[in-house]
Amino acid sequence: MNRQQLRQEAQMQKILWNRLKQWLRMSMALSSLLAAGIYAAFQTAFPGAAAVRILLFVLLAADCIWMLAVTRSLRHGRENIEKLLKLAELS
């Protein structure tokens, strides 16, 4: 690949990465809202039940794991774009 092609590839990767980042942030917010909605529904249906508190902890743990996975994938995407840009500058 020549320098111009590398720059174009890096720009495309940057655009795609920004779109992915927006989508992942939106999905993180929606997953948190979904967890809160599920908890509220169970709390209303079964007030004071210990199972509801356990459900809350499970939902929060799953949400945290999801957010960590998203953050990690965003970091890797940024690193790949930076590598492409450096490669374009070196060639």
PDB file of N, CA and C in Angstrom:
ATOM      1  N   MET A   1       0.846  -1.189   0.000  1.00  0.00           N
ATOM      2  CA  MET A   1       0.000   0.000   0.000  1.00  0.00           C
ATOM      3  C   MET A   1       0.885   1.244   0.000  1.00  0.00           C
ATOM      4  N   ASN A   2       0.468   2.228  -0.769  1.00  0.00           N
ATOM      5  CA  ASN A   2       1.232   3.467  -0.738  1.00  0.00           C
ATOM      6  C   ASN A   2       0.719   4.365   0.385  1.00  0.00           C
ATOM      7  N   ARG A   3       1.364   5.490   0.528  1.00  0.00           N
ATOM      8  CA  ARG A   3       1.069   6.392   1.640  1.00  0.00           C
ATOM      9  C   ARG A   3      -0.370   6.909   1.582  1.00  0.00           C
ATOM     10  N   GLN A   4      -0.822   7.273   0.400  1.00  0.00           N
ATOM     11  CA  GLN A   4      -2.187   7.788   0.236  1.00  0.00           C
ATOM     12  C   GLN A   4      -3.221   6.729   0.614  1.00  0.00           C
ATOM     13  N   GLN A   5      -3.003   5.501   0.192  1.00  0.00           N
ATOM     14  CA  GLN A   5      -3.936   4.421   0.524  1.00  0.00           C
ATOM     15  C   GLN A   5      -3.957   4.162   2.024  1.00  0.00           C
ATOM     16  N   LEU A   6      -2.787   4.221   2.660  1.00  0.00           N
ATOM     17  CA  LEU A   6      -2.736   4.021   4.109  1.00  0.00           C
ATOM     18  C   LEU A   6      -3.489   5.127   4.841  1.00  0.00           C
ATOM     19  N   ARG A   7      -3.334   6.351   4.381  1.00  0.00           N
ATOM     20  CA  ARG A   7      -4.063   7.460   5.006  1.00  0.00           C
ATOM     21  C   ARG A   7      -5.571   7.286   4.835  1.00  0.00           C
ATOM     22  N   GLN A   8      -5.986   6.902   3.631  1.00  0.00           N
ATOM     23  CA  GLN A   8      -7.410   6.683   3.393  1.00  0.00           C
ATOM     24  C   GLN A   8      -7.942   5.555   4.271  1.00  0.00           C
ATOM     25  N   GLU A   9      -7.169   4.492   4.384  1.00  0.00           N
ATOM     26  CA  GLU A   9      -7.571   3.366   5.242  1.00  0.00           C
ATOM     27  C   GLU A   9      -7.665   3.811   6.697  1.00  0.00           C
ATOM     28  N   ALA A  10      -6.695   4.590   7.136  1.00  0.00           N
ATOM     29  CA  ALA A  10      -6.714   5.080   8.518  1.00  0.00           C
ATOM     30  C   ALA A  10      -7.920   5.987   8.753  1.00  0.00           C
ATOM     31  N   GLN A  11      -8.242   6.843   7.784  1.00  0.00           N
ATOM     32  CA  GLN A  11      -9.403   7.719   7.924  1.00  0.00           C
ATOM     33  C   GLN A  11     -10.702   6.912   7.977  1.00  0.00           C
ATOM     34  N   MET A  12     -10.807   5.897   7.133  1.00  0.00           N
ATOM     35  CA  MET A  12     -11.996   5.043   7.160  1.00  0.00           C
ATOM     36  C   MET A  12     -12.107   4.307   8.493  1.00  0.00           C
ATOM     37  N   GLN A  13     -10.984   3.810   8.976  1.00  0.00           N
ATOM     38  CA  GLN A  13     -10.977   3.122  10.264  1.00  0.00           C
ATOM     39  C   GLN A  13     -11.390   4.078  11.377  1.00  0.00           C
ATOM     40  N   LYS A  14     -10.927   5.314  11.296  1.00  0.00           N
ATOM     41  CA  LYS A  14     -11.266   6.303  12.314  1.00  0.00           C
ATOM     42  C   LYS A  14     -12.765   6.601  12.296  1.00  0.00           C
ATOM     43  N   ILE A  15     -13.331   6.746  11.105  1.00  0.00           N
ATOM     44  CA  ILE A  15     -14.774   6.993  10.983  1.00  0.00           C
ATOM     45  C   ILE A  15     -15.564   5.811  11.537  1.00  0.00           C
ATOM     46  N   LEU A  16     -15.176   4.604  11.149  1.00  0.00           N
ATOM     47  CA  LEU A  16     -15.865   3.408  11.644  1.00  0.00           C
ATOM     48  C   LEU A  16     -15.717   3.270  13.151  1.00  0.00           C
ATOM     49  N   TRP A  17     -14.533   3.586  13.653  1.00  0.00           N
ATOM     50  CA  TRP A  17     -14.288   3.488  15.093  1.00  0.00           C
ATOM     51  C   TRP A  17     -15.170   4.468  15.852  1.00  0.00           C
ATOM     52  N   ASN A  18     -15.304   5.690  15.331  1.00  0.00           N
ATOM     53  CA  ASN A  18     -16.161   6.677  15.995  1.00  0.00           C
ATOM     54  C   ASN A  18     -17.618   6.235  15.992  1.00  0.00           C
ATOM     55  N   ARG A  19     -18.072   5.644  14.889  1.00  0.00           N
ATOM     56  CA  ARG A  19     -19.445   5.127  14.840  1.00  0.00           C
ATOM     57  C   ARG A  19     -19.636   3.978  15.818  1.00  0.00           C
ATOM     58  N   LEU A  20     -18.657   3.090  15.868  1.00  0.00           N
ATOM     59  CA  LEU A  20     -18.727   1.971  16.807  1.00  0.00           C
ATOM     60  C   LEU A  20     -18.750   2.476  18.239  1.00  0.00           C
ATOM     61  N   LYS A  21     -17.926   3.466  18.519  1.00  0.00           N
ATOM     62  CA  LYS A  21     -17.864   4.033  19.863  1.00  0.00           C
ATOM     63  C   LYS A  21     -19.219   4.621  20.255  1.00  0.00           C
ATOM     64  N   GLN A  22     -19.858   5.343  19.339  1.00  0.00           N
ATOM     65  CA  GLN A  22     -21.177   5.904  19.627  1.00  0.00           C
ATOM     66  C   GLN A  22     -22.200   4.798  19.875  1.00  0.00           C
ATOM     67  N   TRP A  23     -22.166   3.759  19.039  1.00  0.00           N
ATOM     68  CA  TRP A  23     -23.114   2.661  19.200  1.00  0.00           C
ATOM     69  C   TRP A  23     -22.901   1.940  20.527  1.00  0.00           C
ATOM     70  N   LEU A  24     -21.644   1.697  20.875  1.00  0.00           N
ATOM     71  CA  LEU A  24     -21.365   0.975  22.113  1.00  0.00           C
ATOM     72  C   LEU A  24     -21.751   1.795  23.336  1.00  0.00           C
ATOM     73  N   ARG A  25     -21.529   3.081  23.288  1.00  0.00           N
ATOM     74  CA  ARG A  25     -21.948   3.927  24.413  1.00  0.00           C
ATOM     75  C   ARG A  25     -23.463   3.909  24.561  1.00  0.00           C
ATOM     76  N   MET A  26     -24.155   3.964  23.440  1.00  0.00           N
ATOM     77  CA  MET A  26     -25.613   3.910  23.478  1.00  0.00           C
ATOM     78  C   MET A  26     -26.076   2.563  24.025  1.00  0.00           C
ATOM     79  N   SER A  27     -25.440   1.484  23.607  1.00  0.00           N
ATOM     80  CA  SER A  27     -25.851   0.164  24.089  1.00  0.00           C
ATOM     81  C   SER A  27     -25.548   0.005  25.574  1.00  0.00           C
ATOM     82  N   MET A  28     -24.465   0.632  26.053  1.00  0.00           N
ATOM     83  CA  MET A  28     -24.174   0.579  27.489  1.00  0.00           C
ATOM     84  C   MET A  28     -25.264   1.305  28.271  1.00  0.00           C
ATOM     85  N   ALA A  29     -25.683   2.456  27.777  1.00  0.00           N
ATOM     86  CA  ALA A  29     -26.745   3.201  28.452  1.00  0.00           C
ATOM     87  C   ALA A  29     -28.053   2.414  28.429  1.00  0.00           C
ATOM     88  N   LEU A  30     -28.357   1.811  27.289  1.00  0.00           N
ATOM     89  CA  LEU A  30     -29.591   1.029  27.189  1.00  0.00           C
ATOM     90  C   LEU A  30     -29.563  -0.206  28.080  1.00  0.00           C
ATOM     91  N   SER A  31     -28.397  -0.838  28.206  1.00  0.00           N
ATOM     92  CA  SER A  31     -28.318  -2.016  29.074  1.00  0.00           C
ATOM     93  C   SER A  31     -28.527  -1.621  30.530  1.00  0.00           C
ATOM     94  N   SER A  32     -28.019  -0.464  30.921  1.00  0.00           N
ATOM     95  CA  SER A  32     -28.244   0.012  32.288  1.00  0.00           C
ATOM     96  C   SER A  32     -29.720   0.313  32.521  1.00  0.00           C
ATOM     97  N   LEU A  33     -30.357   0.956  31.538  1.00  0.00           N
ATOM     98  CA  LEU A  33     -31.791   1.240  31.660  1.00  0.00           C
ATOM     99  C   LEU A  33     -32.609  -0.043  31.703  1.00  0.00           C
ATOM    100  N   LEU A  34     -32.222  -1.011  30.894  1.00  0.00           N
ATOM    101  CA  LEU A  34     -32.917  -2.293  30.885  1.00  0.00           C
ATOM    102  C   LEU A  34     -32.786  -2.986  32.237  1.00  0.00           C
ATOM    103  N   ALA A  35     -31.584  -2.980  32.796  1.00  0.00           N
ATOM    104  CA  ALA A  35     -31.376  -3.597  34.109  1.00  0.00           C
ATOM    105  C   ALA A  35     -32.224  -2.898  35.165  1.00  0.00           C
ATOM    106  N   ALA A  36     -32.266  -1.572  35.123  1.00  0.00           N
ATOM    107  CA  ALA A  36     -33.073  -0.826  36.088  1.00  0.00           C
ATOM    108  C   ALA A  36     -34.562  -1.119  35.895  1.00  0.00           C
ATOM    109  N   GLY A  37     -34.996  -1.230  34.646  1.00  0.00           N
ATOM    110  CA  GLY A  37     -36.401  -1.541  34.368  1.00  0.00           C
ATOM    111  C   GLY A  37     -36.800  -2.922  34.850  1.00  0.00           C
ATOM    112  N   ILE A  38     -35.936  -3.896  34.614  1.00  0.00           N
ATOM    113  CA  ILE A  38     -36.218  -5.264  35.075  1.00  0.00           C
ATOM    114  C   ILE A  38     -36.287  -5.295  36.596  1.00  0.00           C
ATOM    115  N   TYR A  39     -35.342  -4.615  37.235  1.00  0.00           N
ATOM    116  CA  TYR A  39     -35.340  -4.576  38.696  1.00  0.00           C
ATOM    117  C   TYR A  39     -36.620  -3.921  39.216  1.00  0.00           C
ATOM    118  N   ALA A  40     -37.011  -2.793  38.614  1.00  0.00           N
ATOM    119  CA  ALA A  40     -38.219  -2.094  39.065  1.00  0.00           C
ATOM    120  C   ALA A  40     -39.461  -2.964  38.880  1.00  0.00           C
ATOM    121  N   ALA A  41     -39.524  -3.687  37.774  1.00  0.00           N
ATOM    122  CA  ALA A  41     -40.678  -4.562  37.534  1.00  0.00           C
ATOM    123  C   ALA A  41     -40.751  -5.670  38.578  1.00  0.00           C
ATOM    124  N   PHE A  42     -39.622  -6.283  38.881  1.00  0.00           N
ATOM    125  CA  PHE A  42     -39.624  -7.347  39.889  1.00  0.00           C
ATOM    126  C   PHE A  42     -39.884  -6.785  41.280  1.00  0.00           C
ATOM    127  N   GLN A  43     -39.363  -5.604  41.564  1.00  0.00           N
ATOM    128  CA  GLN A  43     -39.586  -4.992  42.876  1.00  0.00           C
ATOM    129  C   GLN A  43     -41.070  -4.687  43.060  1.00  0.00           C
ATOM    130  N   THR A  44     -41.728  -4.257  41.995  1.00  0.00           N
ATOM    131  CA  THR A  44     -43.164  -3.978  42.064  1.00  0.00           C
ATOM    132  C   THR A  44     -43.964  -5.270  42.222  1.00  0.00           C
ATOM    133  N   ALA A  45     -43.573  -6.292  41.483  1.00  0.00           N
ATOM    134  CA  ALA A  45     -44.309  -7.559  41.529  1.00  0.00           C
ATOM    135  C   ALA A  45     -44.086  -8.305  42.844  1.00  0.00           C
ATOM    136  N   PHE A  46     -42.871  -8.249  43.355  1.00  0.00           N
ATOM    137  CA  PHE A  46     -42.529  -8.982  44.581  1.00  0.00           C
ATOM    138  C   PHE A  46     -41.826  -8.051  45.566  1.00  0.00           C
ATOM    139  N   PRO A  47     -42.559  -7.156  46.214  1.00  0.00           N
ATOM    140  CA  PRO A  47     -41.911  -6.190  47.108  1.00  0.00           C
ATOM    141  C   PRO A  47     -41.222  -6.864  48.295  1.00  0.00           C
ATOM    142  N   GLY A  48     -39.995  -6.460  48.548  1.00  0.00           N
ATOM    143  CA  GLY A  48     -39.255  -6.952  49.707  1.00  0.00           C
ATOM    144  C   GLY A  48     -38.689  -8.348  49.575  1.00  0.00           C
ATOM    145  N   ALA A  49     -38.833  -8.973  48.437  1.00  0.00           N
ATOM    146  CA  ALA A  49     -38.337 -10.342  48.269  1.00  0.00           C
ATOM    147  C   ALA A  49     -36.815 -10.344  48.151  1.00  0.00           C
ATOM    148  N   ALA A  50     -36.206 -11.319  48.793  1.00  0.00           N
ATOM    149  CA  ALA A  50     -34.745 -11.448  48.729  1.00  0.00           C
ATOM    150  C   ALA A  50     -34.291 -11.765  47.306  1.00  0.00           C
ATOM    151  N   ALA A  51     -35.136 -12.464  46.566  1.00  0.00           N
ATOM    152  CA  ALA A  51     -34.788 -12.808  45.185  1.00  0.00           C
ATOM    153  C   ALA A  51     -34.621 -11.554  44.330  1.00  0.00           C
ATOM    154  N   VAL A  52     -35.376 -10.512  44.662  1.00  0.00           N
ATOM    155  CA  VAL A  52     -35.264  -9.263  43.904  1.00  0.00           C
ATOM    156  C   VAL A  52     -33.899  -8.630  44.139  1.00  0.00           C
ATOM    157  N   ARG A  53     -33.430  -8.662  45.375  1.00  0.00           N
ATOM    158  CA  ARG A  53     -32.095  -8.107  45.666  1.00  0.00           C
ATOM    159  C   ARG A  53     -31.009  -8.928  44.984  1.00  0.00           C
ATOM    160  N   ILE A  54     -31.181 -10.233  44.956  1.00  0.00           N
ATOM    161  CA  ILE A  54     -30.215 -11.091  44.254  1.00  0.00           C
ATOM    162  C   ILE A  54     -30.235 -10.775  42.763  1.00  0.00           C
ATOM    163  N   LEU A  55     -31.435 -10.590  42.214  1.00  0.00           N
ATOM    164  CA  LEU A  55     -31.557 -10.229  40.800  1.00  0.00           C
ATOM    165  C   LEU A  55     -30.845  -8.911  40.517  1.00  0.00           C
ATOM    166  N   LEU A  56     -30.987  -7.955  41.419  1.00  0.00           N
ATOM    167  CA  LEU A  56     -30.312  -6.670  41.243  1.00  0.00           C
ATOM    168  C   LEU A  56     -28.804  -6.859  41.166  1.00  0.00           C
ATOM    169  N   PHE A  57     -28.244  -7.640  42.066  1.00  0.00           N
ATOM    170  CA  PHE A  57     -26.799  -7.868  42.053  1.00  0.00           C
ATOM    171  C   PHE A  57     -26.352  -8.584  40.780  1.00  0.00           C
ATOM    172  N   VAL A  58     -27.147  -9.539  40.323  1.00  0.00           N
ATOM    173  CA  VAL A  58     -26.810 -10.250  39.082  1.00  0.00           C
ATOM    174  C   VAL A  58     -26.849  -9.291  37.896  1.00  0.00           C
ATOM    175  N   LEU A  59     -27.888  -8.462  37.828  1.00  0.00           N
ATOM    176  CA  LEU A  59     -27.996  -7.499  36.729  1.00  0.00           C
ATOM    177  C   LEU A  59     -26.858  -6.486  36.760  1.00  0.00           C
ATOM    178  N   LEU A  60     -26.521  -6.005  37.939  1.00  0.00           N
ATOM    179  CA  LEU A  60     -25.419  -5.044  38.045  1.00  0.00           C
ATOM    180  C   LEU A  60     -24.086  -5.677  37.658  1.00  0.00           C
ATOM    181  N   ALA A  61     -23.875  -6.916  38.069  1.00  0.00           N
ATOM    182  CA  ALA A  61     -22.634  -7.606  37.704  1.00  0.00           C
ATOM    183  C   ALA A  61     -22.553  -7.809  36.197  1.00  0.00           C
ATOM    184  N   ALA A  62     -23.654  -8.233  35.592  1.00  0.00           N
ATOM    185  CA  ALA A  62     -23.668  -8.430  34.138  1.00  0.00           C
ATOM    186  C   ALA A  62     -23.439  -7.111  33.413  1.00  0.00           C
ATOM    187  N   ASP A  63     -24.029  -6.046  33.912  1.00  0.00           N
ATOM    188  CA  ASP A  63     -23.854  -4.731  33.298  1.00  0.00           C
ATOM    189  C   ASP A  63     -22.404  -4.264  33.415  1.00  0.00           C
ATOM    190  N   CYS A  64     -21.787  -4.494  34.558  1.00  0.00           N
ATOM    191  CA  CYS A  64     -20.375  -4.118  34.739  1.00  0.00           C
ATOM    192  C   CYS A  64     -19.466  -4.911  33.805  1.00  0.00           C
ATOM    193  N   ILE A  65     -19.733  -6.196  33.677  1.00  0.00           N
ATOM    194  CA  ILE A  65     -18.928  -7.030  32.768  1.00  0.00           C
ATOM    195  C   ILE A  65     -19.081  -6.530  31.337  1.00  0.00           C
ATOM    196  N   TRP A  66     -20.313  -6.203  30.943  1.00  0.00           N
ATOM    197  CA  TRP A  66     -20.556  -5.683  29.597  1.00  0.00           C
ATOM    198  C   TRP A  66     -19.784  -4.376  29.383  1.00  0.00           C
ATOM    199  N   MET A  67     -19.833  -3.477  30.358  1.00  0.00           N
ATOM    200  CA  MET A  67     -19.135  -2.196  30.221  1.00  0.00           C
ATOM    201  C   MET A  67     -17.626  -2.383  30.138  1.00  0.00           C
ATOM    202  N   LEU A  68     -17.088  -3.316  30.903  1.00  0.00           N
ATOM    203  CA  LEU A  68     -15.651  -3.594  30.821  1.00  0.00           C
ATOM    204  C   LEU A  68     -15.274  -4.137  29.450  1.00  0.00           C
ATOM    205  N   ALA A  69     -16.099  -5.018  28.906  1.00  0.00           N
ATOM    206  CA  ALA A  69     -15.827  -5.570  27.573  1.00  0.00           C
ATOM    207  C   ALA A  69     -15.878  -4.477  26.508  1.00  0.00           C
ATOM    208  N   VAL A  70     -16.848  -3.591  26.615  1.00  0.00           N
ATOM    209  CA  VAL A  70     -16.967  -2.487  25.655  1.00  0.00           C
ATOM    210  C   VAL A  70     -15.764  -1.564  25.754  1.00  0.00           C
ATOM    211  N   THR A  71     -15.369  -1.227  26.964  1.00  0.00           N
ATOM    212  CA  THR A  71     -14.221  -0.342  27.160  1.00  0.00           C
ATOM    213  C   THR A  71     -12.958  -0.962  26.586  1.00  0.00           C
ATOM    214  N   ARG A  72     -12.794  -2.239  26.794  1.00  0.00           N
ATOM    215  CA  ARG A  72     -11.606  -2.922  26.275  1.00  0.00           C
ATOM    216  C   ARG A  72     -11.602  -2.926  24.746  1.00  0.00           C
ATOM    217  N   SER A  73     -12.758  -3.193  24.137  1.00  0.00           N
ATOM    218  CA  SER A  73     -12.811  -3.209  22.674  1.00  0.00           C
ATOM    219  C   SER A  73     -12.563  -1.818  22.105  1.00  0.00           C
ATOM    220  N   LEU A  74     -13.029  -0.779  22.789  1.00  0.00           N
ATOM    221  CA  LEU A  74     -12.758   0.585  22.331  1.00  0.00           C
ATOM    222  C   LEU A  74     -11.269   0.900  22.390  1.00  0.00           C
ATOM    223  N   ARG A  75     -10.618   0.462  23.439  1.00  0.00           N
ATOM    224  CA  ARG A  75      -9.180   0.703  23.576  1.00  0.00           C
ATOM    225  C   ARG A  75      -8.413   0.012  22.453  1.00  0.00           C
ATOM    226  N   HIS A  76      -8.772  -1.224  22.141  1.00  0.00           N
ATOM    227  CA  HIS A  76      -8.089  -1.952  21.065  1.00  0.00           C
ATOM    228  C   HIS A  76      -8.336  -1.289  19.712  1.00  0.00           C
ATOM    229  N   GLY A  77      -9.539  -0.799  19.489  1.00  0.00           N
ATOM    230  CA  GLY A  77      -9.840  -0.113  18.238  1.00  0.00           C
ATOM    231  C   GLY A  77      -9.006   1.139  18.070  1.00  0.00           C
ATOM    232  N   ARG A  78      -8.877   1.898  19.133  1.00  0.00           N
ATOM    233  CA  ARG A  78      -8.062   3.116  19.085  1.00  0.00           C
ATOM    234  C   ARG A  78      -6.606   2.779  18.813  1.00  0.00           C
ATOM    235  N   GLU A  79      -6.099   1.732  19.447  1.00  0.00           N
ATOM    236  CA  GLU A  79      -4.707   1.331  19.237  1.00  0.00           C
ATOM    237  C   GLU A  79      -4.468   0.907  17.794  1.00  0.00           C
ATOM    238  N   ASN A  80      -5.421   0.196  17.193  1.00  0.00           N
ATOM    239  CA  ASN A  80      -5.267  -0.223  15.796  1.00  0.00           C
ATOM    240  C   ASN A  80      -5.235   0.973  14.855  1.00  0.00           C
ATOM    241  N   ILE A  81      -6.061   1.966  15.114  1.00  0.00           N
ATOM    242  CA  ILE A  81      -6.065   3.164  14.276  1.00  0.00           C
ATOM    243  C   ILE A  81      -4.751   3.917  14.427  1.00  0.00           C
ATOM    244  N   GLU A  82      -4.257   4.018  15.651  1.00  0.00           N
ATOM    245  CA  GLU A  82      -2.978   4.701  15.865  1.00  0.00           C
ATOM    246  C   GLU A  82      -1.848   3.988  15.133  1.00  0.00           C
ATOM    247  N   LYS A  83      -1.867   2.664  15.109  1.00  0.00           N
ATOM    248  CA  LYS A  83      -0.844   1.909  14.375  1.00  0.00           C
ATOM    249  C   LYS A  83      -0.921   2.195  12.881  1.00  0.00           C
ATOM    250  N   LEU A  84      -2.150   2.246  12.342  1.00  0.00           N
ATOM    251  CA  LEU A  84      -2.314   2.553  10.923  1.00  0.00           C
ATOM    252  C   LEU A  84      -1.797   3.951  10.593  1.00  0.00           C
ATOM    253  N   LEU A  85      -2.085   4.911  11.456  1.00  0.00           N
ATOM    254  CA  LEU A  85      -1.615   6.275  11.212  1.00  0.00           C
ATOM    255  C   LEU A  85      -0.096   6.359  11.260  1.00  0.00           C
ATOM    256  N   LYS A  86       0.519   5.663  12.204  1.00  0.00           N
ATOM    257  CA  LYS A  86       1.985   5.653  12.284  1.00  0.00           C
ATOM    258  C   LYS A  86       2.588   4.999  11.048  1.00  0.00           C
ATOM    259  N   LEU A  87       1.963   3.923  10.595  1.00  0.00           N
ATOM    260  CA  LEU A  87       2.443   3.238   9.399  1.00  0.00           C
ATOM    261  C   LEU A  87       2.343   4.151   8.180  1.00  0.00           C
ATOM    262  N   ALA A  88       1.266   4.927   8.109  1.00  0.00           N
ATOM    263  CA  ALA A  88       1.101   5.865   6.993  1.00  0.00           C
ATOM    264  C   ALA A  88       2.164   6.956   7.037  1.00  0.00           C
ATOM    265  N   GLU A  89       2.499   7.413   8.230  1.00  0.00           N
ATOM    266  CA  GLU A  89       3.520   8.453   8.360  1.00  0.00           C
ATOM    267  C   GLU A  89       4.905   7.930   8.014  1.00  0.00           C
ATOM    268  N   LEU A  90       5.176   6.675   8.343  1.00  0.00           N
ATOM    269  CA  LEU A  90       6.505   6.110   8.107  1.00  0.00           C
ATOM    270  C   LEU A  90       6.751   5.780   6.645  1.00  0.00           C
ATOM    271  N   SER A  91       5.694   5.488   5.904  1.00  0.00           N
ATOM    272  CA  SER A  91       5.904   5.064   4.516  1.00  0.00           C
ATOM    273  C   SER A  91       6.071   6.246   3.580  1.00  0.00           C
TER     274      SER A  91
END
